[in-house]
Amino acid sequence: MSGSGELKTRITDAVKQAMRAGDKPRVATLRLITAAIKQREVDERIELDDDQIVALLSKQVKQRQESIQQYETHNRSDLADKERYEIGVLEEFLPQPLSDEEVEALIQDAIRETGASGMQDMGKVMGVLRPKLQGRADMGAASARVKALLGS
């Protein structure tokens, strides 16, 4: 990733294309994304780079996944379907997910790179891993795997 703001441009272009196509659900979802980016930029008085946007989009996907579980528990498949649609739009702007094998290789590399030998090195390993995995893998699962490897 880079700090070039390429992702923000892609999102803005997608809004324009969806508006021209008259795709109201897509426009609505894309506007939620741009509003979340603008809100964070205004709140923190910064311009988000691509990595920060990926983190924000990943968080939005996670929130929607949690909502889907709630809706399905309460038999609201209509609302769950809307959330699934929004996740699909969000995922268009996220990097391709890493396979389990790729995640495992990155974890092994991070452990080697940091010279980690036990649980006391967990923070160092996660510090190296986080930017490589952000938006591309389940951070909780990766953290659990690192813990398992360092704890043994």
C-alpha atoms as a PDB file:
ATOM      1  CA  MET A   1       0.000   0.000   0.000  1.00  0.00           C
ATOM      2  CA  SER A   2       0.995   3.597  -0.225  1.00  0.00           C
ATOM      3  CA  GLY A   3       0.084   6.983   1.078  1.00  0.00           C
ATOM      4  CA  SER A   4      -0.742   8.303  -2.375  1.00  0.00           C
ATOM      5  CA  GLY A   5      -4.489   8.482  -1.802  1.00  0.00           C
ATOM      6  CA  GLU A   6      -5.081   6.212  -4.784  1.00  0.00           C
ATOM      7  CA  LEU A   7      -7.784   4.376  -2.865  1.00  0.00           C
ATOM      8  CA  LYS A   8      -9.720   7.574  -2.152  1.00  0.00           C
ATOM      9  CA  THR A   9      -9.635   8.411  -5.871  1.00  0.00           C
ATOM     10  CA  ARG A  10     -10.905   4.911  -6.759  1.00  0.00           C
ATOM     11  CA  ILE A  11     -13.796   5.318  -4.306  1.00  0.00           C
ATOM     12  CA  THR A  12     -14.678   8.778  -5.669  1.00  0.00           C
ATOM     13  CA  ASP A  13     -14.608   7.439  -9.244  1.00  0.00           C
ATOM     14  CA  ALA A  14     -16.836   4.518  -8.190  1.00  0.00           C
ATOM     15  CA  VAL A  15     -19.392   6.987  -6.749  1.00  0.00           C
ATOM     16  CA  LYS A  16     -19.491   8.871 -10.079  1.00  0.00           C
ATOM     17  CA  GLN A  17     -19.862   5.635 -12.090  1.00  0.00           C
ATOM     18  CA  ALA A  18     -22.652   4.358  -9.838  1.00  0.00           C
ATOM     19  CA  MET A  19     -24.475   7.699 -10.092  1.00  0.00           C
ATOM     20  CA  ARG A  20     -24.222   7.639 -13.902  1.00  0.00           C
ATOM     21  CA  ALA A  21     -25.506   4.051 -13.901  1.00  0.00           C
ATOM     22  CA  GLY A  22     -28.396   4.998 -11.603  1.00  0.00           C
ATOM     23  CA  ASP A  23     -27.374   2.257  -9.136  1.00  0.00           C
ATOM     24  CA  LYS A  24     -28.975   3.725  -5.996  1.00  0.00           C
ATOM     25  CA  PRO A  25     -27.982   0.981  -3.500  1.00  0.00           C
ATOM     26  CA  ARG A  26     -24.353   1.172  -4.663  1.00  0.00           C
ATOM     27  CA  VAL A  27     -24.329   4.982  -4.514  1.00  0.00           C
ATOM     28  CA  ALA A  28     -25.734   4.851  -0.973  1.00  0.00           C
ATOM     29  CA  THR A  29     -23.076   2.381   0.186  1.00  0.00           C
ATOM     30  CA  LEU A  30     -20.237   4.301  -1.470  1.00  0.00           C
ATOM     31  CA  ARG A  31     -21.481   7.523   0.121  1.00  0.00           C
ATOM     32  CA  LEU A  32     -21.380   5.817   3.543  1.00  0.00           C
ATOM     33  CA  ILE A  33     -17.732   4.972   2.853  1.00  0.00           C
ATOM     34  CA  THR A  34     -16.800   8.507   1.756  1.00  0.00           C
ATOM     35  CA  ALA A  35     -18.676   9.972   4.745  1.00  0.00           C
ATOM     36  CA  ALA A  36     -16.753   7.695   7.150  1.00  0.00           C
ATOM     37  CA  ILE A  37     -13.445   8.755   5.579  1.00  0.00           C
ATOM     38  CA  LYS A  38     -14.341  12.475   5.703  1.00  0.00           C
ATOM     39  CA  GLN A  39     -15.590  12.159   9.300  1.00  0.00           C
ATOM     40  CA  ARG A  40     -12.301  10.658  10.441  1.00  0.00           C
ATOM     41  CA  GLU A  41     -10.263  13.226   8.503  1.00  0.00           C
ATOM     42  CA  VAL A  42     -12.225  16.107  10.041  1.00  0.00           C
ATOM     43  CA  ASP A  43     -12.139  14.621  13.562  1.00  0.00           C
ATOM     44  CA  GLU A  44      -8.397  13.986  13.466  1.00  0.00           C
ATOM     45  CA  ARG A  45      -7.451  16.916  11.191  1.00  0.00           C
ATOM     46  CA  ILE A  46      -5.482  14.611   8.899  1.00  0.00           C
ATOM     47  CA  GLU A  47      -5.698  13.244   5.383  1.00  0.00           C
ATOM     48  CA  LEU A  48      -6.037   9.465   5.482  1.00  0.00           C
ATOM     49  CA  ASP A  49      -3.526   7.494   3.451  1.00  0.00           C
ATOM     50  CA  ASP A  50      -4.386   4.211   1.729  1.00  0.00           C
ATOM     51  CA  ASP A  51      -3.322   2.091   4.724  1.00  0.00           C
ATOM     52  CA  GLN A  52      -5.588   4.084   7.056  1.00  0.00           C
ATOM     53  CA  ILE A  53      -8.475   3.796   4.597  1.00  0.00           C
ATOM     54  CA  VAL A  54      -7.952   0.012   4.392  1.00  0.00           C
ATOM     55  CA  ALA A  55      -8.082  -0.152   8.206  1.00  0.00           C
ATOM     56  CA  LEU A  56     -11.299   1.918   8.222  1.00  0.00           C
ATOM     57  CA  LEU A  57     -12.911  -0.255   5.511  1.00  0.00           C
ATOM     58  CA  SER A  58     -11.860  -3.442   7.330  1.00  0.00           C
ATOM     59  CA  LYS A  59     -13.543  -2.152  10.480  1.00  0.00           C
ATOM     60  CA  GLN A  60     -16.701  -1.368   8.484  1.00  0.00           C
ATOM     61  CA  VAL A  61     -16.753  -4.926   7.089  1.00  0.00           C
ATOM     62  CA  LYS A  62     -16.334  -6.362  10.580  1.00  0.00           C
ATOM     63  CA  GLN A  63     -19.199  -4.202  11.930  1.00  0.00           C
ATOM     64  CA  ARG A  64     -21.472  -5.412   9.137  1.00  0.00           C
ATOM     65  CA  GLN A  65     -20.535  -9.048   9.763  1.00  0.00           C
ATOM     66  CA  GLU A  66     -21.547  -8.576  13.409  1.00  0.00           C
ATOM     67  CA  SER A  67     -24.811  -6.962  12.295  1.00  0.00           C
ATOM     68  CA  ILE A  68     -25.546  -9.905   9.977  1.00  0.00           C
ATOM     69  CA  GLN A  69     -25.265 -12.290  12.929  1.00  0.00           C
ATOM     70  CA  GLN A  70     -27.677 -10.153  14.939  1.00  0.00           C
ATOM     71  CA  TYR A  71     -30.163  -9.877  12.076  1.00  0.00           C
ATOM     72  CA  GLU A  72     -30.078 -13.606  11.374  1.00  0.00           C
ATOM     73  CA  THR A  73     -30.650 -14.359  15.069  1.00  0.00           C
ATOM     74  CA  HIS A  74     -33.800 -12.239  14.835  1.00  0.00           C
ATOM     75  CA  ASN A  75     -34.915 -13.645  11.459  1.00  0.00           C
ATOM     76  CA  ARG A  76     -34.350 -10.396   9.578  1.00  0.00           C
ATOM     77  CA  SER A  77     -32.838 -11.802   6.388  1.00  0.00           C
ATOM     78  CA  ASP A  78     -33.836  -8.618   4.525  1.00  0.00           C
ATOM     79  CA  LEU A  79     -31.525  -6.543   6.719  1.00  0.00           C
ATOM     80  CA  ALA A  80     -28.804  -9.225   6.689  1.00  0.00           C
ATOM     81  CA  ASP A  81     -28.902  -9.236   2.868  1.00  0.00           C
ATOM     82  CA  LYS A  82     -28.464  -5.442   2.809  1.00  0.00           C
ATOM     83  CA  GLU A  83     -25.393  -5.767   5.053  1.00  0.00           C
ATOM     84  CA  ARG A  84     -23.997  -8.540   2.804  1.00  0.00           C
ATOM     85  CA  TYR A  85     -24.444  -6.280  -0.223  1.00  0.00           C
ATOM     86  CA  GLU A  86     -22.564  -3.469   1.550  1.00  0.00           C
ATOM     87  CA  ILE A  87     -19.743  -5.859   2.509  1.00  0.00           C
ATOM     88  CA  GLY A  88     -19.430  -6.787  -1.182  1.00  0.00           C
ATOM     89  CA  VAL A  89     -19.028  -3.122  -2.115  1.00  0.00           C
ATOM     90  CA  LEU A  90     -16.538  -2.488   0.710  1.00  0.00           C
ATOM     91  CA  GLU A  91     -14.445  -5.516  -0.249  1.00  0.00           C
ATOM     92  CA  GLU A  92     -13.937  -4.120  -3.766  1.00  0.00           C
ATOM     93  CA  PHE A  93     -11.596  -1.547  -2.206  1.00  0.00           C
ATOM     94  CA  LEU A  94      -9.748  -3.908   0.121  1.00  0.00           C
ATOM     95  CA  PRO A  95      -6.629  -5.798  -0.917  1.00  0.00           C
ATOM     96  CA  GLN A  96      -7.107  -9.443  -1.805  1.00  0.00           C
ATOM     97  CA  PRO A  97      -7.296 -11.611   1.320  1.00  0.00           C
ATOM     98  CA  LEU A  98      -4.236 -13.683   2.101  1.00  0.00           C
ATOM     99  CA  SER A  99      -4.469 -17.469   2.112  1.00  0.00           C
ATOM    100  CA  ASP A 100      -3.825 -19.371   5.361  1.00  0.00           C
ATOM    101  CA  GLU A 101      -0.462 -20.436   3.920  1.00  0.00           C
ATOM    102  CA  GLU A 102       0.506 -16.831   3.127  1.00  0.00           C
ATOM    103  CA  VAL A 103      -0.481 -15.693   6.628  1.00  0.00           C
ATOM    104  CA  GLU A 104       1.528 -18.546   8.168  1.00  0.00           C
ATOM    105  CA  ALA A 105       4.585 -17.603   6.074  1.00  0.00           C
ATOM    106  CA  LEU A 106       4.308 -13.933   7.131  1.00  0.00           C
ATOM    107  CA  ILE A 107       4.027 -14.988  10.801  1.00  0.00           C
ATOM    108  CA  GLN A 108       7.120 -17.210  10.497  1.00  0.00           C
ATOM    109  CA  ASP A 109       9.031 -14.375   8.761  1.00  0.00           C
ATOM    110  CA  ALA A 110       8.019 -11.877  11.471  1.00  0.00           C
ATOM    111  CA  ILE A 111       9.164 -14.248  14.227  1.00  0.00           C
ATOM    112  CA  ARG A 112      12.523 -14.739  12.464  1.00  0.00           C
ATOM    113  CA  GLU A 113      12.886 -11.022  11.670  1.00  0.00           C
ATOM    114  CA  THR A 114      12.304  -9.976  15.286  1.00  0.00           C
ATOM    115  CA  GLY A 115      14.281 -12.864  16.781  1.00  0.00           C
ATOM    116  CA  ALA A 116      11.248 -13.601  18.967  1.00  0.00           C
ATOM    117  CA  SER A 117      11.764 -16.434  21.406  1.00  0.00           C
ATOM    118  CA  GLY A 118       8.821 -16.226  23.782  1.00  0.00           C
ATOM    119  CA  MET A 119       5.616 -14.488  24.804  1.00  0.00           C
ATOM    120  CA  GLN A 120       7.540 -11.376  25.880  1.00  0.00           C
ATOM    121  CA  ASP A 121       8.218 -10.766  22.157  1.00  0.00           C
ATOM    122  CA  MET A 122       4.531 -10.935  21.116  1.00  0.00           C
ATOM    123  CA  GLY A 123       4.259  -7.124  20.744  1.00  0.00           C
ATOM    124  CA  LYS A 124       7.340  -6.918  18.521  1.00  0.00           C
ATOM    125  CA  VAL A 125       6.067  -9.698  16.255  1.00  0.00           C
ATOM    126  CA  MET A 126       2.564  -8.184  15.975  1.00  0.00           C
ATOM    127  CA  GLY A 127       4.113  -4.757  15.280  1.00  0.00           C
ATOM    128  CA  VAL A 128       5.878  -6.223  12.239  1.00  0.00           C
ATOM    129  CA  LEU A 129       2.838  -8.274  11.160  1.00  0.00           C
ATOM    130  CA  ARG A 130       0.052  -5.713  11.550  1.00  0.00           C
ATOM    131  CA  PRO A 131       0.874  -3.541   8.497  1.00  0.00           C
ATOM    132  CA  LYS A 132       1.342  -6.647   6.319  1.00  0.00           C
ATOM    133  CA  LEU A 133      -1.947  -8.251   7.381  1.00  0.00           C
ATOM    134  CA  GLN A 134      -4.201  -5.206   7.836  1.00  0.00           C
ATOM    135  CA  GLY A 135      -7.334  -5.638   5.782  1.00  0.00           C
ATOM    136  CA  ARG A 136      -6.024  -8.885   4.300  1.00  0.00           C
ATOM    137  CA  ALA A 137      -6.362 -11.364   7.172  1.00  0.00           C
ATOM    138  CA  ASP A 138      -8.179 -11.905  10.471  1.00  0.00           C
ATOM    139  CA  MET A 139      -5.917 -10.146  12.988  1.00  0.00           C
ATOM    140  CA  GLY A 140      -7.418 -12.088  15.906  1.00  0.00           C
ATOM    141  CA  ALA A 141      -6.616 -15.424  14.289  1.00  0.00           C
ATOM    142  CA  ALA A 142      -3.106 -14.252  13.379  1.00  0.00           C
ATOM    143  CA  SER A 143      -2.532 -13.061  16.942  1.00  0.00           C
ATOM    144  CA  ALA A 144      -3.708 -16.415  18.322  1.00  0.00           C
ATOM    145  CA  ARG A 145      -1.336 -18.227  15.948  1.00  0.00           C
ATOM    146  CA  VAL A 146       1.612 -16.049  17.026  1.00  0.00           C
ATOM    147  CA  LYS A 147       0.709 -16.688  20.669  1.00  0.00           C
ATOM    148  CA  ALA A 148       0.614 -20.450  20.022  1.00  0.00           C
ATOM    149  CA  LEU A 149       4.006 -20.398  18.293  1.00  0.00           C
ATOM    150  CA  LEU A 150       5.701 -18.213  20.917  1.00  0.00           C
ATOM    151  CA  GLY A 151       4.138 -20.041  23.831  1.00  0.00           C
ATOM    152  CA  SER A 152       5.513 -23.438  22.804  1.00  0.00           C
END
